[in-house]
C-alpha atoms as a PDB file:
ATOM      1  CA  MET A   1      71.593 106.160 132.794  1.00  0.00           C
ATOM      2  CA  LEU A   2      68.860 103.642 133.634  1.00  0.00           C
ATOM      3  CA  ALA A   3      68.312 100.374 131.794  1.00  0.00           C
ATOM      4  CA  VAL A   4      64.615  99.386 131.818  1.00  0.00           C
ATOM      5  CA  LEU A   5      64.554  95.609 132.153  1.00  0.00           C
ATOM      6  CA  GLU A   6      60.804  95.154 132.627  1.00  0.00           C
ATOM      7  CA  GLN A   7      57.655  97.315 132.456  1.00  0.00           C
ATOM      8  CA  TRP A   8      54.063  96.684 133.499  1.00  0.00           C
ATOM      9  CA  GLU A   9      50.749  98.428 134.239  1.00  0.00           C
ATOM     10  CA  ASP A  10      48.763  97.568 137.350  1.00  0.00           C
ATOM     11  CA  ASP A  11      45.395  98.557 135.859  1.00  0.00           C
ATOM     12  CA  THR A  12      45.514  96.747 132.520  1.00  0.00           C
ATOM     13  CA  GLY A  13      47.962  93.997 133.397  1.00  0.00           C
ATOM     14  CA  CYS A  14      50.058  94.876 130.338  1.00  0.00           C
ATOM     15  CA  HIS A  15      53.588  93.537 130.692  1.00  0.00           C
ATOM     16  CA  ARG A  16      56.724  94.081 128.635  1.00  0.00           C
ATOM     17  CA  ASP A  17      60.051  92.284 128.942  1.00  0.00           C
ATOM     18  CA  ASN A  18      62.987  94.192 127.419  1.00  0.00           C
ATOM     19  CA  MET A  19      65.690  91.566 127.988  1.00  0.00           C
ATOM     20  CA  GLY A  20      65.375  90.313 124.421  1.00  0.00           C
ATOM     21  CA  LEU A  21      66.159  93.794 123.079  1.00  0.00           C
ATOM     22  CA  TYR A  22      69.274  94.083 125.227  1.00  0.00           C
ATOM     23  CA  ILE A  23      70.445  90.664 124.086  1.00  0.00           C
ATOM     24  CA  LEU A  24      69.889  91.634 120.449  1.00  0.00           C
ATOM     25  CA  LEU A  25      71.882  94.827 121.030  1.00  0.00           C
ATOM     26  CA  VAL A  26      74.799  92.943 122.594  1.00  0.00           C
ATOM     27  CA  LEU A  27      74.801  90.302 119.842  1.00  0.00           C
ATOM     28  CA  SER A  28      74.759  93.003 117.157  1.00  0.00           C
ATOM     29  CA  LYS A  29      77.708  94.735 118.788  1.00  0.00           C
ATOM     30  CA  PHE A  30      79.575  91.427 119.022  1.00  0.00           C
ATOM     31  CA  GLY A  31      79.018  90.768 115.314  1.00  0.00           C
ATOM     32  CA  LEU A  32      80.184  94.269 114.380  1.00  0.00           C
ATOM     33  CA  ASP A  33      83.319  93.908 116.501  1.00  0.00           C
ATOM     34  CA  VAL A  34      84.142  90.512 114.989  1.00  0.00           C
ATOM     35  CA  TYR A  35      83.897  92.007 111.503  1.00  0.00           C
ATOM     36  CA  ALA A  36      86.012  95.007 112.515  1.00  0.00           C
ATOM     37  CA  LEU A  37      88.615  92.705 114.079  1.00  0.00           C
ATOM     38  CA  TRP A  38      88.861  90.695 110.860  1.00  0.00           C
ATOM     39  CA  LEU A  39      88.967  93.838 108.729  1.00  0.00           C
ATOM     40  CA  TYR A  40      91.488  95.917 110.682  1.00  0.00           C
ATOM     41  CA  ASN A  41      93.531  93.752 113.042  1.00  0.00           C
ATOM     42  CA  ARG A  42      93.717  90.207 111.705  1.00  0.00           C
ATOM     43  CA  THR A  43      97.409  90.667 110.803  1.00  0.00           C
ATOM     44  CA  ARG A  44      98.540  92.403 114.009  1.00  0.00           C
ATOM     45  CA  LEU A  45      96.781  90.734 116.923  1.00  0.00           C
ATOM     46  CA  HIS A  46     100.005  89.863 118.742  1.00  0.00           C
ATOM     47  CA  THR A  47     102.313  92.510 117.260  1.00  0.00           C
ATOM     48  CA  SER A  48     100.545  95.616 118.580  1.00  0.00           C
ATOM     49  CA  LEU A  49      98.976  96.622 121.864  1.00  0.00           C
ATOM     50  CA  LEU A  50      95.920  97.934 120.054  1.00  0.00           C
ATOM     51  CA  GLY A  51      95.455  94.585 118.325  1.00  0.00           C
ATOM     52  CA  MET A  52      95.567  92.812 121.685  1.00  0.00           C
ATOM     53  CA  PHE A  53      93.037  95.266 123.157  1.00  0.00           C
ATOM     54  CA  SER A  54      90.786  94.627 120.155  1.00  0.00           C
ATOM     55  CA  LEU A  55      90.939  90.865 120.643  1.00  0.00           C
ATOM     56  CA  THR A  56      90.059  91.107 124.344  1.00  0.00           C
ATOM     57  CA  ILE A  57      87.103  93.411 123.629  1.00  0.00           C
ATOM     58  CA  VAL A  58      85.686  90.822 121.229  1.00  0.00           C
ATOM     59  CA  LEU A  59      86.206  88.074 123.820  1.00  0.00           C
ATOM     60  CA  ALA A  60      84.504  90.205 126.486  1.00  0.00           C
ATOM     61  CA  ASP A  61      81.571  90.798 124.104  1.00  0.00           C
ATOM     62  CA  LEU A  62      81.280  87.056 123.596  1.00  0.00           C
ATOM     63  CA  VAL A  63      81.294  86.334 127.335  1.00  0.00           C
ATOM     64  CA  MET A  64      78.666  88.983 128.007  1.00  0.00           C
ATOM     65  CA  ALA A  65      76.425  87.760 125.191  1.00  0.00           C
ATOM     66  CA  PHE A  66      76.731  84.169 126.447  1.00  0.00           C
ATOM     67  CA  PHE A  67      75.706  85.038 130.008  1.00  0.00           C
ATOM     68  CA  MET A  68      72.841  87.276 128.923  1.00  0.00           C
ATOM     69  CA  VAL A  69      71.407  84.582 126.638  1.00  0.00           C
ATOM     70  CA  THR A  70      71.824  81.989 129.400  1.00  0.00           C
ATOM     71  CA  MET A  71      69.974  84.150 131.937  1.00  0.00           C
ATOM     72  CA  TRP A  72      67.187  84.813 129.451  1.00  0.00           C
ATOM     73  CA  LEU A  73      66.734  81.103 128.725  1.00  0.00           C
ATOM     74  CA  LEU A  74      66.830  80.017 132.373  1.00  0.00           C
ATOM     75  CA  GLY A  75      64.114  82.432 133.445  1.00  0.00           C
ATOM     76  CA  PRO A  76      63.385  85.972 134.611  1.00  0.00           C
ATOM     77  CA  GLU A  77      66.300  86.353 137.011  1.00  0.00           C
ATOM     78  CA  ARG A  78      66.526  90.131 136.930  1.00  0.00           C
ATOM     79  CA  ILE A  79      68.976  90.566 139.812  1.00  0.00           C
ATOM     80  CA  SER A  80      71.685  88.630 137.974  1.00  0.00           C
ATOM     81  CA  ALA A  81      70.946  90.490 134.718  1.00  0.00           C
ATOM     82  CA  CYS A  82      71.209  93.828 136.519  1.00  0.00           C
ATOM     83  CA  PHE A  83      74.518  92.802 138.099  1.00  0.00           C
ATOM     84  CA  LEU A  84      75.926  91.753 134.721  1.00  0.00           C
ATOM     85  CA  MET A  85      74.842  94.883 132.866  1.00  0.00           C
ATOM     86  CA  ALA A  86      75.953  97.282 135.603  1.00  0.00           C
ATOM     87  CA  PHE A  87      79.293  95.539 136.065  1.00  0.00           C
ATOM     88  CA  ALA A  88      79.947  95.336 132.311  1.00  0.00           C
ATOM     89  CA  SER A  89      79.085  98.992 131.698  1.00  0.00           C
ATOM     90  CA  ALA A  90      81.336 100.114 134.561  1.00  0.00           C
ATOM     91  CA  THR A  91      84.207  97.917 133.385  1.00  0.00           C
ATOM     92  CA  TYR A  92      83.980  99.023 129.761  1.00  0.00           C
ATOM     93  CA  GLY A  93      83.620 102.641 130.876  1.00  0.00           C
ATOM     94  CA  THR A  94      86.914 102.452 132.763  1.00  0.00           C
ATOM     95  CA  LEU A  95      88.880 101.228 129.738  1.00  0.00           C
ATOM     96  CA  PRO A  96      89.031 104.143 127.219  1.00  0.00           C
ATOM     97  CA  LEU A  97      91.487 106.470 128.977  1.00  0.00           C
ATOM     98  CA  PRO A  98      94.039 103.749 129.927  1.00  0.00           C
ATOM     99  CA  MET A  99      93.756 102.236 126.445  1.00  0.00           C
ATOM    100  CA  VAL A 100      94.452 105.520 124.664  1.00  0.00           C
ATOM    101  CA  CYS A 101      97.341 106.491 126.941  1.00  0.00           C
ATOM    102  CA  LEU A 102      99.015 103.073 126.774  1.00  0.00           C
ATOM    103  CA  CYS A 103      98.622 102.748 122.993  1.00  0.00           C
ATOM    104  CA  LEU A 104     100.120 106.202 122.485  1.00  0.00           C
ATOM    105  CA  LEU A 105     103.005 105.335 124.813  1.00  0.00           C
ATOM    106  CA  ASP A 106     103.464 102.060 122.959  1.00  0.00           C
ATOM    107  CA  TYR A 107     103.792 103.911 119.636  1.00  0.00           C
ATOM    108  CA  CYS A 108     106.355 106.295 121.107  1.00  0.00           C
ATOM    109  CA  LEU A 109     108.462 103.439 122.543  1.00  0.00           C
ATOM    110  CA  GLU A 110     107.877 100.966 119.730  1.00  0.00           C
ATOM    111  CA  ASP A 111     111.491 100.878 118.559  1.00  0.00           C
ATOM    112  CA  THR A 112     112.827 100.148 122.049  1.00  0.00           C
ATOM    113  CA  TRP A 113     111.188  96.720 122.353  1.00  0.00           C
ATOM    114  CA  ARG A 114     112.593  93.548 120.874  1.00  0.00           C
ATOM    115  CA  THR A 115     110.247  91.695 118.572  1.00  0.00           C
ATOM    116  CA  SER A 116     110.368  88.563 120.732  1.00  0.00           C
ATOM    117  CA  TYR A 117     109.167  90.501 123.776  1.00  0.00           C
ATOM    118  CA  LYS A 118     106.373  92.497 122.129  1.00  0.00           C
ATOM    119  CA  ALA A 119     103.734  89.759 122.315  1.00  0.00           C
ATOM    120  CA  LEU A 120     104.470  89.075 125.994  1.00  0.00           C
ATOM    121  CA  LYS A 121     104.412  92.793 126.761  1.00  0.00           C
ATOM    122  CA  ASN A 122     101.091  93.301 124.949  1.00  0.00           C
ATOM    123  CA  ILE A 123      99.424  90.376 126.725  1.00  0.00           C
ATOM    124  CA  THR A 124     100.697  91.448 130.147  1.00  0.00           C
ATOM    125  CA  VAL A 125      99.629  95.083 129.778  1.00  0.00           C
ATOM    126  CA  THR A 126      96.205  94.119 128.434  1.00  0.00           C
ATOM    127  CA  LEU A 127      95.514  91.714 131.290  1.00  0.00           C
ATOM    128  CA  LEU A 128      96.598  94.295 133.857  1.00  0.00           C
ATOM    129  CA  VAL A 129      94.269  96.937 132.387  1.00  0.00           C
ATOM    130  CA  TRP A 130      91.281  94.566 132.359  1.00  0.00           C
ATOM    131  CA  THR A 131      92.057  93.402 135.907  1.00  0.00           C
ATOM    132  CA  PHE A 132      92.251  96.950 137.196  1.00  0.00           C
ATOM    133  CA  ALA A 133      89.012  97.885 135.408  1.00  0.00           C
ATOM    134  CA  GLY A 134      87.195  94.826 136.751  1.00  0.00           C
ATOM    135  CA  VAL A 135      88.300  95.289 140.369  1.00  0.00           C
ATOM    136  CA  TYR A 136      87.564  99.019 140.330  1.00  0.00           C
ATOM    137  CA  SER A 137      84.117  98.434 138.816  1.00  0.00           C
ATOM    138  CA  TYR A 138      83.204  95.718 141.310  1.00  0.00           C
ATOM    139  CA  ILE A 139      84.072  98.014 144.209  1.00  0.00           C
ATOM    140  CA  SER A 140      82.446 101.206 142.962  1.00  0.00           C
ATOM    141  CA  VAL A 141      79.435 100.221 140.835  1.00  0.00           C
ATOM    142  CA  ASN A 142      75.829 100.280 142.030  1.00  0.00           C
ATOM    143  CA  MET A 143      74.322  96.900 141.114  1.00  0.00           C
ATOM    144  CA  GLU A 144      70.981  97.280 142.894  1.00  0.00           C
ATOM    145  CA  LEU A 145      67.799  96.416 140.990  1.00  0.00           C
ATOM    146  CA  MET A 146      65.238  99.189 141.535  1.00  0.00           C
ATOM    147  CA  GLU A 147      61.477  99.419 141.054  1.00  0.00           C
ATOM    148  CA  LEU A 148      60.437 102.745 139.573  1.00  0.00           C
ATOM    149  CA  THR A 149      56.956 104.263 139.292  1.00  0.00           C
ATOM    150  CA  TYR A 150      57.083 106.695 136.366  1.00  0.00           C
ATOM    151  CA  ALA A 151      53.325 107.287 135.833  1.00  0.00           C
ATOM    152  CA  ALA A 152      50.005 106.478 137.474  1.00  0.00           C
ATOM    153  CA  GLY A 153      49.816 102.712 137.699  1.00  0.00           C
ATOM    154  CA  LYS A 154      52.901 102.241 135.505  1.00  0.00           C
ATOM    155  CA  LYS A 155      56.000 100.655 136.982  1.00  0.00           C
ATOM    156  CA  ALA A 156      59.347  99.391 135.777  1.00  0.00           C
ATOM    157  CA  LEU A 157      62.341  97.418 136.979  1.00  0.00           C
ATOM    158  CA  VAL A 158      65.420  99.488 136.229  1.00  0.00           C
ATOM    159  CA  CYS A 159      69.140  99.098 136.671  1.00  0.00           C
ATOM    160  CA  GLU A 160      71.720 101.879 136.794  1.00  0.00           C
ATOM    161  CA  ILE A 161      74.359 101.573 134.097  1.00  0.00           C
ATOM    162  CA  GLN A 162      77.130 103.894 132.945  1.00  0.00           C
ATOM    163  CA  ASP A 163      77.703 105.672 129.675  1.00  0.00           C
ATOM    164  CA  THR A 164      81.059 106.898 128.367  1.00  0.00           C
ATOM    165  CA  THR A 165      81.315 110.661 128.582  1.00  0.00           C
ATOM    166  CA  MET A 166      84.926 110.589 127.417  1.00  0.00           C
ATOM    167  CA  ILE A 167      84.079 108.849 124.143  1.00  0.00           C
ATOM    168  CA  THR A 168      81.111 111.142 123.565  1.00  0.00           C
ATOM    169  CA  TYR A 169      83.082 114.373 123.912  1.00  0.00           C
ATOM    170  CA  PHE A 170      86.090 112.923 122.100  1.00  0.00           C
ATOM    171  CA  LEU A 171      84.069 112.084 118.982  1.00  0.00           C
ATOM    172  CA  LEU A 172      82.125 115.347 119.078  1.00  0.00           C
ATOM    173  CA  GLY A 173      85.402 117.228 119.493  1.00  0.00           C
ATOM    174  CA  LEU A 174      86.914 115.445 116.496  1.00  0.00           C
ATOM    175  CA  LEU A 175      83.881 116.282 114.381  1.00  0.00           C
ATOM    176  CA  GLY A 176      84.015 119.923 115.461  1.00  0.00           C
ATOM    177  CA  ILE A 177      87.738 120.184 114.669  1.00  0.00           C
ATOM    178  CA  MET A 178      87.188 118.589 111.260  1.00  0.00           C
ATOM    179  CA  ILE A 179      84.386 120.980 110.333  1.00  0.00           C
ATOM    180  CA  CYS A 180      86.190 124.110 111.565  1.00  0.00           C
ATOM    181  CA  SER A 181      89.403 123.100 109.772  1.00  0.00           C
ATOM    182  CA  MET A 182      87.638 122.496 106.468  1.00  0.00           C
ATOM    183  CA  LEU A 183      85.830 125.832 106.334  1.00  0.00           C
ATOM    184  CA  PRO A 184      88.845 127.884 105.088  1.00  0.00           C
ATOM    185  CA  PHE A 185      89.573 125.285 102.368  1.00  0.00           C
ATOM    186  CA  CYS A 186      86.028 124.306 101.397  1.00  0.00           C
ATOM    187  CA  SER A 187      86.392 125.549  97.798  1.00  0.00           C
ATOM    188  CA  ARG A 188      89.407 123.273  97.158  1.00  0.00           C
ATOM    189  CA  ILE A 189      88.481 120.147  99.100  1.00  0.00           C
ATOM    190  CA  LEU A 190      86.820 118.412  96.141  1.00  0.00           C
ATOM    191  CA  LEU A 191      89.848 119.101  93.935  1.00  0.00           C
ATOM    192  CA  TRP A 192      92.237 117.722  96.538  1.00  0.00           C
ATOM    193  CA  MET A 193      90.085 114.636  97.100  1.00  0.00           C
ATOM    194  CA  CYS A 194      90.130 113.901  93.368  1.00  0.00           C
ATOM    195  CA  GLU A 195      93.881 114.397  93.296  1.00  0.00           C
ATOM    196  CA  ALA A 196      94.322 112.089  96.302  1.00  0.00           C
ATOM    197  CA  ARG A 197      92.263 109.450  94.534  1.00  0.00           C
ATOM    198  CA  ARG A 198      94.472 109.804  91.446  1.00  0.00           C
ATOM    199  CA  LEU A 199      97.592 109.381  93.569  1.00  0.00           C
ATOM    200  CA  TYR A 200      96.099 106.348  95.278  1.00  0.00           C
ATOM    201  CA  LYS A 201      95.265 104.709  91.935  1.00  0.00           C
ATOM    202  CA  ALA A 202      98.729 105.546  90.597  1.00  0.00           C
ATOM    203  CA  ARG A 203     100.322 103.978  93.674  1.00  0.00           C
ATOM    204  CA  GLU A 204      98.222 100.832  93.227  1.00  0.00           C
ATOM    205  CA  ASN A 205      99.219 100.576  89.556  1.00  0.00           C
ATOM    206  CA  GLN A 206     102.851 101.078  90.504  1.00  0.00           C
ATOM    207  CA  GLU A 207     102.688  98.237  93.049  1.00  0.00           C
ATOM    208  CA  ASN A 208     100.982  95.957  90.522  1.00  0.00           C
ATOM    209  CA  GLN A 209     103.649  96.688  87.900  1.00  0.00           C
ATOM    210  CA  TRP A 210     106.453  95.902  90.310  1.00  0.00           C
ATOM    211  CA  SER A 211     104.650  92.734  91.359  1.00  0.00           C
ATOM    212  CA  ASP A 212     104.281  91.628  87.736  1.00  0.00           C
ATOM    213  CA  LEU A 213     108.027  92.054  87.209  1.00  0.00           C
ATOM    214  CA  HIS A 214     108.703  89.559  90.038  1.00  0.00           C
ATOM    215  CA  THR A 215     111.545  91.725  91.249  1.00  0.00           C
ATOM    216  CA  SER A 216     112.959  91.683  94.758  1.00  0.00           C
ATOM    217  CA  ILE A 217     112.773  95.485  94.917  1.00  0.00           C
ATOM    218  CA  LYS A 218     109.550  96.673  96.485  1.00  0.00           C
ATOM    219  CA  PRO A 219     107.797  99.957  95.613  1.00  0.00           C
ATOM    220  CA  SER A 220     108.414 101.207  99.148  1.00  0.00           C
ATOM    221  CA  GLN A 221     112.162 100.948  98.467  1.00  0.00           C
ATOM    222  CA  LEU A 222     112.039 103.670  95.855  1.00  0.00           C
ATOM    223  CA  THR A 223     113.540 107.021  96.698  1.00  0.00           C
ATOM    224  CA  MET A 224     111.076 109.848  97.027  1.00  0.00           C
ATOM    225  CA  SER A 225     112.089 111.325  93.662  1.00  0.00           C
ATOM    226  CA  GLU A 226     111.657 107.947  91.930  1.00  0.00           C
ATOM    227  CA  GLU A 227     108.261 107.388  93.517  1.00  0.00           C
ATOM    228  CA  ILE A 228     107.103 110.855  92.461  1.00  0.00           C
ATOM    229  CA  TYR A 229     108.249 110.006  88.926  1.00  0.00           C
ATOM    230  CA  TYR A 230     105.880 107.023  88.925  1.00  0.00           C
ATOM    231  CA  LEU A 231     103.036 108.805  90.716  1.00  0.00           C
ATOM    232  CA  GLY A 232     103.260 111.988  88.703  1.00  0.00           C
ATOM    233  CA  LYS A 233     103.419 115.523  89.992  1.00  0.00           C
ATOM    234  CA  THR A 234     100.717 116.812  92.290  1.00  0.00           C
ATOM    235  CA  THR A 235      98.732 119.688  90.869  1.00  0.00           C
ATOM    236  CA  ALA A 236      99.039 123.063  92.570  1.00  0.00           C
ATOM    237  CA  PRO A 237      97.917 124.540  94.860  1.00  0.00           C
ATOM    238  CA  ARG A 238      98.803 121.963  97.471  1.00  0.00           C
ATOM    239  CA  PRO A 239      97.261 121.809 100.961  1.00  0.00           C
ATOM    240  CA  PRO A 240      99.447 122.023 104.070  1.00  0.00           C
ATOM    241  CA  LEU A 241     100.518 118.676 105.460  1.00  0.00           C
ATOM    242  CA  TRP A 242      98.392 118.908 108.619  1.00  0.00           C
ATOM    243  CA  PHE A 243      95.288 119.487 106.525  1.00  0.00           C
ATOM    244  CA  SER A 244      96.173 116.676 104.104  1.00  0.00           C
ATOM    245  CA  LEU A 245      96.420 114.214 106.988  1.00  0.00           C
ATOM    246  CA  MET A 246      93.159 115.548 108.414  1.00  0.00           C
ATOM    247  CA  LEU A 247      91.556 115.122 104.990  1.00  0.00           C
ATOM    248  CA  GLY A 248      92.821 111.545 104.809  1.00  0.00           C
ATOM    249  CA  PHE A 249      91.348 110.884 108.238  1.00  0.00           C
ATOM    250  CA  GLY A 250      88.033 112.520 107.332  1.00  0.00           C
ATOM    251  CA  VAL A 251      87.589 110.597 104.089  1.00  0.00           C
ATOM    252  CA  TYR A 252      87.506 107.357 106.042  1.00  0.00           C
ATOM    253  CA  TRP A 253      86.012 108.340 109.414  1.00  0.00           C
ATOM    254  CA  MET A 254      83.689 111.287 108.750  1.00  0.00           C
ATOM    255  CA  PRO A 255      80.600 109.027 108.231  1.00  0.00           C
ATOM    256  CA  TYR A 256      81.242 107.368 111.590  1.00  0.00           C
ATOM    257  CA  LEU A 257      81.615 110.732 113.334  1.00  0.00           C
ATOM    258  CA  VAL A 258      78.466 112.147 111.719  1.00  0.00           C
ATOM    259  CA  ILE A 259      76.358 109.097 112.611  1.00  0.00           C
ATOM    260  CA  THR A 260      77.625 109.177 116.191  1.00  0.00           C
ATOM    261  CA  ALA A 261      76.824 112.883 116.514  1.00  0.00           C
ATOM    262  CA  ALA A 262      73.360 112.347 115.009  1.00  0.00           C
ATOM    263  CA  CYS A 263      72.598 109.604 117.529  1.00  0.00           C
ATOM    264  CA  LEU A 264      73.626 111.861 120.396  1.00  0.00           C
ATOM    265  CA  VAL A 265      71.550 114.779 119.098  1.00  0.00           C
ATOM    266  CA  LEU A 266      68.502 112.524 118.753  1.00  0.00           C
ATOM    267  CA  GLY A 267      68.975 111.296 122.305  1.00  0.00           C
ATOM    268  CA  PHE A 268      70.147 107.757 121.476  1.00  0.00           C
ATOM    269  CA  TRP A 269      72.595 107.428 124.365  1.00  0.00           C
ATOM    270  CA  VAL A 270      74.209 104.032 124.609  1.00  0.00           C
ATOM    271  CA  PRO A 271      75.782 102.249 127.599  1.00  0.00           C
ATOM    272  CA  ALA A 272      79.521 101.878 127.891  1.00  0.00           C
ATOM    273  CA  TYR A 273      79.537  98.190 126.923  1.00  0.00           C
ATOM    274  CA  ILE A 274      78.157  99.249 123.510  1.00  0.00           C
ATOM    275  CA  ALA A 275      80.058 102.526 123.025  1.00  0.00           C
ATOM    276  CA  VAL A 276      83.473 100.939 123.688  1.00  0.00           C
ATOM    277  CA  ASN A 277      83.788  99.054 120.422  1.00  0.00           C
ATOM    278  CA  LEU A 278      86.381  98.388 117.774  1.00  0.00           C
ATOM    279  CA  LEU A 279      85.191 101.164 115.465  1.00  0.00           C
ATOM    280  CA  TRP A 280      85.874 103.729 118.176  1.00  0.00           C
ATOM    281  CA  LEU A 281      89.211 102.091 118.948  1.00  0.00           C
ATOM    282  CA  GLU A 282      90.281 102.143 115.279  1.00  0.00           C
ATOM    283  CA  CYS A 283      89.129 105.746 114.876  1.00  0.00           C
ATOM    284  CA  THR A 284      91.192 106.753 117.911  1.00  0.00           C
ATOM    285  CA  ASP A 285      94.120 104.774 116.550  1.00  0.00           C
ATOM    286  CA  SER A 286      93.904 106.708 113.274  1.00  0.00           C
ATOM    287  CA  VAL A 287      94.204 109.962 115.217  1.00  0.00           C
ATOM    288  CA  MET A 288      97.287 108.731 117.085  1.00  0.00           C
ATOM    289  CA  VAL A 289      98.945 107.346 113.943  1.00  0.00           C
ATOM    290  CA  ALA A 290      98.276 110.607 112.075  1.00  0.00           C
ATOM    291  CA  VAL A 291      99.971 112.570 114.861  1.00  0.00           C
ATOM    292  CA  MET A 292     102.961 110.200 114.841  1.00  0.00           C
ATOM    293  CA  PHE A 293     103.209 110.373 111.041  1.00  0.00           C
ATOM    294  CA  TRP A 294     103.042 114.186 111.079  1.00  0.00           C
ATOM    295  CA  ALA A 295     105.757 114.355 113.760  1.00  0.00           C
ATOM    296  CA  LYS A 296     108.112 112.001 111.888  1.00  0.00           C
ATOM    297  CA  SER A 297     107.496 113.208 108.323  1.00  0.00           C
ATOM    298  CA  PRO A 298     109.894 116.217 108.438  1.00  0.00           C
ATOM    299  CA  THR A 299     112.848 113.825 108.813  1.00  0.00           C
ATOM    300  CA  GLN A 300     111.531 110.595 107.272  1.00  0.00           C
ATOM    301  CA  GLY A 301     109.115 111.874 104.630  1.00  0.00           C
ATOM    302  CA  PRO A 302     106.474 109.452 103.352  1.00  0.00           C
ATOM    303  CA  TYR A 303     108.424 106.525 104.792  1.00  0.00           C
ATOM    304  CA  ALA A 304     107.902 107.510 108.405  1.00  0.00           C
ATOM    305  CA  ARG A 305     107.720 104.367 110.517  1.00  0.00           C
ATOM    306  CA  VAL A 306     104.187 104.222 111.885  1.00  0.00           C
ATOM    307  CA  SER A 307     101.783 101.446 112.757  1.00  0.00           C
ATOM    308  CA  GLN A 308      99.601  99.893 110.065  1.00  0.00           C
ATOM    309  CA  ASN A 309      96.383 101.813 109.706  1.00  0.00           C
ATOM    310  CA  VAL A 310      93.324 102.052 107.484  1.00  0.00           C
ATOM    311  CA  CYS A 311      94.222 105.538 106.223  1.00  0.00           C
ATOM    312  CA  SER A 312      96.696 105.994 103.359  1.00  0.00           C
ATOM    313  CA  TRP A 313      98.979 108.525 105.015  1.00  0.00           C
ATOM    314  CA  GLU A 314     101.702 108.278 102.348  1.00  0.00           C
ATOM    315  CA  VAL A 315      99.280 109.299  99.607  1.00  0.00           C
ATOM    316  CA  TYR A 316      98.224 112.398 101.511  1.00  0.00           C
ATOM    317  CA  TRP A 317     101.880 113.232 102.208  1.00  0.00           C
ATOM    318  CA  HIS A 318     102.443 113.319  98.440  1.00  0.00           C
ATOM    319  CA  LEU A 319      99.287 115.394  98.061  1.00  0.00           C
ATOM    320  CA  SER A 320     100.913 118.114 100.186  1.00  0.00           C
ATOM    321  CA  ASN A 321     104.554 117.840  99.138  1.00  0.00           C
ATOM    322  CA  GLY A 322     104.288 116.932  95.484  1.00  0.00           C
ATOM    323  CA  ALA A 323     107.619 117.130  93.673  1.00  0.00           C
ATOM    324  CA  HIS A 324     108.673 120.617  94.651  1.00  0.00           C
ATOM    325  CA  ASN A 325     111.443 119.407  96.958  1.00  0.00           C
ATOM    326  CA  SER A 326     112.438 116.163  95.287  1.00  0.00           C
ATOM    327  CA  ASP A 327     115.910 117.471  94.365  1.00  0.00           C
ATOM    328  CA  THR A 328     116.907 118.204  97.936  1.00  0.00           C
ATOM    329  CA  MET A 329     114.963 115.628  99.950  1.00  0.00           C
ATOM    330  CA  ILE A 330     115.649 111.996  99.061  1.00  0.00           C
ATOM    331  CA  TYR A 331     114.306 109.413 101.482  1.00  0.00           C
ATOM    332  CA  THR A 332     115.240 105.781 101.150  1.00  0.00           C
ATOM    333  CA  LEU A 333     114.761 102.830 103.438  1.00  0.00           C
ATOM    334  CA  SER A 334     118.110 103.545 105.004  1.00  0.00           C
ATOM    335  CA  HIS A 335     116.491 106.472 106.804  1.00  0.00           C
ATOM    336  CA  VAL A 336     113.741 104.290 108.266  1.00  0.00           C
END
């Protein structure tokens, strides 16, 4: 991928500087990541590896935006701008695979770490990943500013930057899996979504009632049979658990997946320092948490110990299981 920093025509003398557009793009991404950090991770910055990764991405966005604005104000120093953009895209492009693997490993080994050591572990791992990505990018990236003639009398200063093929195929794969999985159940999806909304509202009302009573017993401390009593029975037919979790994921993330796919189809490819953002990180986290919840639910039911996430996995567990096994499967906090 080539970033066009400057364009001009020898015949007419027409000149166009694109640095302002790149700065606007970086600032917009920084603002979106700040909002996503406040919305998703403000309560778990130091308690989870994903929260620490999110914080460092926002800080890296801020540093990049600062240097790009500084270069733009000081003058047309294109070599430095090319170095920054090429280095940033290569560094960001190296991060996705280590981030996903380490976060998944962190979820699997979460119970083995003491609470006092988690923050130190998260900081150390995050710094090591960024250091590795930075050193590897500095060694391997092409930071040469090139002059390109793309038409008669038309020239441009371009810089080679990297995109993120992994993120592209990951999101397209998720969208494809979602669509293919929904086809056999398309006639019942609307019914199940309405039922999930009813369960969600019932759960909210239940929590509000317990809060109004000022009792020390929390709604999450109810047994499964007691919680189903308050939520009401789920109407039949019920979807399988894997599809319920996929439906819960799709309700929240399908717009993001569709917009991403539309941009790719229309040819709006973005560099790695834009594609690696907190929305992608949270979407990937939802996939990992859903897998962990599905793996633990046979033994721990709706109280499976998983990381905090934007999707209401417990509601969609009740959507699948209803009350048909409440007499034989009682899950309390002692199982968690």
